[in-house]
Structures are given as structure tokens and as C-alpha cells.
Amino acid sequence: MPKTKKVKSTGRFGSRYGLSIRQRVLDVEEKQRGWHECPYCSKKRVKRVAAGIWQCRSCNVKFTGKAYAIGV
């Protein structure tokens, strides 16, 4: 299924649920799937393993944080 410019990965929902809700989902999904900065080695190599579990691909440390973003 092709992604659209406006809603990107939430295009999988089609026209259901309304645009504003799909945009909110898109914001959360981009935050949780993107690269984050490691609090240990300061490199941008941290990915989400599961809800609240993060792993740095550089120093290979696994730690907990918030569900969708590492946060402070």
C-alpha cells in the first residue's frame, strides 16, 4: 500500500478515523521508530525494543525509559 505525503505510514487506515487522529498517531509512531540519543555514549543509535525498553546499537546497553520516547 503506497504512503501518501500528508499521512505517510498512517495511510494504512485509509479514510477511517479522521485526519487529525491519524496525524496524532503519525507523530507518536515517528517518535517511537526513529533514532534517539544514547544517555551513556551520546550517539544517536538508540532504538526501541519494546514498550519502555530501549537499546543502544553502539555501546549495546539496554535500559528503560518512556514508552514512545526516551525522555528525561
N, C-alpha and C. Protein backbone atom coordinates (compact mmCIF):
# COMPACT_ATOMS: atom_id res chain seq x y z
N MET A 1 0.84 -1.18 0.00
CA MET A 1 0.00 0.00 0.00
C MET A 1 0.89 1.24 0.00
N PRO A 2 0.68 2.18 -0.92
CA PRO A 2 1.55 3.36 -1.00
C PRO A 2 1.28 4.33 0.14
N LYS A 3 2.34 5.02 0.55
CA LYS A 3 2.21 6.03 1.59
C LYS A 3 1.91 7.37 0.91
N THR A 4 1.09 8.19 1.55
CA THR A 4 0.78 9.49 0.99
C THR A 4 1.63 10.55 1.67
N LYS A 5 1.74 11.70 1.05
CA LYS A 5 2.55 12.77 1.62
C LYS A 5 1.98 13.26 2.95
N LYS A 6 0.68 13.39 3.00
CA LYS A 6 0.06 14.01 4.17
C LYS A 6 0.08 13.12 5.40
N VAL A 7 -0.19 11.84 5.24
CA VAL A 7 -0.34 10.97 6.40
C VAL A 7 0.70 9.86 6.49
N LYS A 8 1.58 9.74 5.51
CA LYS A 8 2.68 8.78 5.50
C LYS A 8 2.26 7.38 5.91
N SER A 9 2.79 6.85 7.02
CA SER A 9 2.53 5.46 7.39
C SER A 9 1.10 5.23 7.87
N THR A 10 0.39 6.28 8.26
CA THR A 10 -0.98 6.08 8.70
C THR A 10 -1.95 6.02 7.52
N GLY A 11 -1.44 6.02 6.32
CA GLY A 11 -2.26 5.82 5.14
C GLY A 11 -2.89 4.43 5.13
N ARG A 12 -2.35 3.54 5.96
CA ARG A 12 -2.91 2.18 6.04
C ARG A 12 -4.33 2.18 6.60
N PHE A 13 -4.73 3.27 7.29
CA PHE A 13 -6.08 3.37 7.84
C PHE A 13 -7.09 3.84 6.80
N GLY A 14 -6.60 4.29 5.65
CA GLY A 14 -7.49 4.78 4.62
C GLY A 14 -8.18 6.06 5.05
N SER A 15 -9.47 6.17 4.80
CA SER A 15 -10.20 7.38 5.16
C SER A 15 -10.87 7.25 6.53
N ARG A 16 -10.57 6.19 7.25
CA ARG A 16 -11.21 5.98 8.56
C ARG A 16 -10.57 6.85 9.64
N TYR A 17 -11.31 7.13 10.67
CA TYR A 17 -10.88 7.79 11.92
C TYR A 17 -10.63 9.28 11.82
N GLY A 18 -10.57 9.88 10.66
CA GLY A 18 -10.38 11.32 10.54
C GLY A 18 -8.91 11.70 10.46
N LEU A 19 -8.64 12.85 9.84
CA LEU A 19 -7.27 13.28 9.59
C LEU A 19 -6.53 13.65 10.86
N SER A 20 -7.17 14.36 11.78
CA SER A 20 -6.45 14.84 12.97
C SER A 20 -5.99 13.68 13.86
N ILE A 21 -6.80 12.65 13.97
CA ILE A 21 -6.41 11.48 14.78
C ILE A 21 -5.27 10.74 14.10
N ARG A 22 -5.34 10.59 12.79
CA ARG A 22 -4.26 9.90 12.07
C ARG A 22 -2.96 10.69 12.16
N GLN A 23 -3.02 12.01 12.18
CA GLN A 23 -1.81 12.82 12.33
C GLN A 23 -1.21 12.66 13.73
N ARG A 24 -2.05 12.53 14.75
CA ARG A 24 -1.54 12.28 16.10
C ARG A 24 -0.84 10.93 16.18
N VAL A 25 -1.43 9.93 15.57
CA VAL A 25 -0.82 8.60 15.53
C VAL A 25 0.51 8.66 14.80
N LEU A 26 0.58 9.42 13.71
CA LEU A 26 1.80 9.57 12.94
C LEU A 26 2.91 10.19 13.79
N ASP A 27 2.59 11.21 14.58
CA ASP A 27 3.59 11.84 15.45
C ASP A 27 4.17 10.83 16.43
N VAL A 28 3.32 10.05 17.06
CA VAL A 28 3.77 9.06 18.04
C VAL A 28 4.62 7.99 17.36
N GLU A 29 4.18 7.50 16.20
CA GLU A 29 4.91 6.45 15.51
C GLU A 29 6.28 6.91 15.03
N GLU A 30 6.38 8.14 14.55
CA GLU A 30 7.68 8.65 14.11
C GLU A 30 8.64 8.80 15.28
N LYS A 31 8.13 9.20 16.45
CA LYS A 31 8.98 9.33 17.63
C LYS A 31 9.47 7.97 18.10
N GLN A 32 8.60 6.98 18.14
CA GLN A 32 8.99 5.69 18.69
C GLN A 32 9.88 4.90 17.73
N ARG A 33 9.76 5.11 16.44
CA ARG A 33 10.54 4.32 15.47
C ARG A 33 11.83 4.99 15.04
N GLY A 34 12.03 6.24 15.41
CA GLY A 34 13.23 6.95 14.98
C GLY A 34 14.44 6.66 15.86
N TRP A 35 15.57 7.22 15.47
CA TRP A 35 16.80 7.09 16.26
C TRP A 35 16.79 8.11 17.38
N HIS A 36 17.29 7.71 18.55
CA HIS A 36 17.36 8.59 19.71
C HIS A 36 18.80 8.63 20.22
N GLU A 37 19.11 9.65 21.01
CA GLU A 37 20.46 9.81 21.54
C GLU A 37 20.65 8.96 22.79
N CYS A 38 21.76 8.26 22.84
CA CYS A 38 22.07 7.38 23.98
C CYS A 38 22.52 8.23 25.17
N PRO A 39 21.95 8.01 26.36
CA PRO A 39 22.38 8.76 27.53
C PRO A 39 23.75 8.31 28.06
N TYR A 40 24.27 7.20 27.56
CA TYR A 40 25.55 6.67 28.03
C TYR A 40 26.71 7.07 27.13
N CYS A 41 26.55 6.90 25.81
CA CYS A 41 27.66 7.22 24.89
C CYS A 41 27.37 8.45 24.03
N SER A 42 26.21 9.05 24.14
CA SER A 42 25.80 10.28 23.44
C SER A 42 25.75 10.14 21.92
N LYS A 43 25.65 8.92 21.40
CA LYS A 43 25.48 8.73 19.97
C LYS A 43 24.00 8.52 19.66
N LYS A 44 23.62 8.85 18.46
CA LYS A 44 22.22 8.72 18.05
C LYS A 44 21.99 7.33 17.47
N ARG A 45 22.08 6.30 18.34
CA ARG A 45 22.00 4.92 17.90
C ARG A 45 21.04 4.10 18.75
N VAL A 46 20.07 4.73 19.40
CA VAL A 46 19.16 4.02 20.28
C VAL A 46 17.85 3.73 19.54
N LYS A 47 17.42 2.48 19.60
CA LYS A 47 16.14 2.08 19.02
C LYS A 47 15.27 1.44 20.10
N ARG A 48 13.99 1.47 19.89
CA ARG A 48 13.03 0.90 20.81
C ARG A 48 12.93 -0.61 20.59
N VAL A 49 13.10 -1.38 21.66
CA VAL A 49 12.99 -2.83 21.60
C VAL A 49 11.56 -3.26 21.87
N ALA A 50 10.97 -2.71 22.92
CA ALA A 50 9.58 -2.96 23.29
C ALA A 50 9.10 -1.72 24.03
N ALA A 51 7.87 -1.73 24.49
CA ALA A 51 7.31 -0.57 25.19
C ALA A 51 8.14 -0.28 26.44
N GLY A 52 8.85 0.84 26.44
CA GLY A 52 9.64 1.26 27.59
C GLY A 52 11.02 0.64 27.65
N ILE A 53 11.41 -0.19 26.70
CA ILE A 53 12.73 -0.82 26.69
C ILE A 53 13.49 -0.32 25.46
N TRP A 54 14.68 0.23 25.69
CA TRP A 54 15.49 0.83 24.64
C TRP A 54 16.87 0.19 24.63
N GLN A 55 17.49 0.11 23.44
CA GLN A 55 18.81 -0.47 23.33
C GLN A 55 19.67 0.38 22.40
N CYS A 56 20.89 0.67 22.87
CA CYS A 56 21.85 1.41 22.06
C CYS A 56 22.58 0.41 21.16
N ARG A 57 22.62 0.70 19.87
CA ARG A 57 23.27 -0.20 18.93
C ARG A 57 24.78 0.05 18.88
N SER A 58 25.23 1.11 19.54
CA SER A 58 26.66 1.41 19.55
C SER A 58 27.36 0.77 20.75
N CYS A 59 26.90 1.11 21.97
CA CYS A 59 27.54 0.57 23.17
C CYS A 59 26.80 -0.66 23.71
N ASN A 60 25.72 -1.06 23.04
CA ASN A 60 24.97 -2.28 23.35
C ASN A 60 24.39 -2.31 24.76
N VAL A 61 24.09 -1.15 25.32
CA VAL A 61 23.47 -1.10 26.64
C VAL A 61 21.95 -1.09 26.46
N LYS A 62 21.25 -1.80 27.32
CA LYS A 62 19.80 -1.86 27.28
C LYS A 62 19.28 -1.19 28.55
N PHE A 63 18.31 -0.30 28.41
CA PHE A 63 17.80 0.44 29.55
C PHE A 63 16.32 0.74 29.37
N THR A 64 15.71 1.25 30.43
CA THR A 64 14.28 1.58 30.38
C THR A 64 14.10 3.08 30.22
N GLY A 65 12.95 3.44 29.71
CA GLY A 65 12.60 4.84 29.50
C GLY A 65 11.09 4.93 29.36
N LYS A 66 10.66 5.99 28.74
CA LYS A 66 9.23 6.13 28.49
C LYS A 66 8.81 5.20 27.37
N ALA A 67 7.52 5.04 27.17
CA ALA A 67 7.00 4.06 26.22
C ALA A 67 7.31 4.43 24.77
N TYR A 68 7.14 5.69 24.38
CA TYR A 68 7.28 6.06 22.98
C TYR A 68 8.53 6.86 22.68
N ALA A 69 9.15 7.46 23.69
CA ALA A 69 10.39 8.21 23.53
C ALA A 69 11.19 8.06 24.82
N ILE A 70 12.49 8.24 24.72
CA ILE A 70 13.34 8.05 25.90
C ILE A 70 12.97 9.05 26.98
N GLY A 71 12.90 10.32 26.64
CA GLY A 71 12.51 11.35 27.59
C GLY A 71 13.49 11.54 28.71
N VAL A 72 13.20 12.51 29.53
CA VAL A 72 14.06 12.82 30.68
C VAL A 72 13.31 12.63 31.96
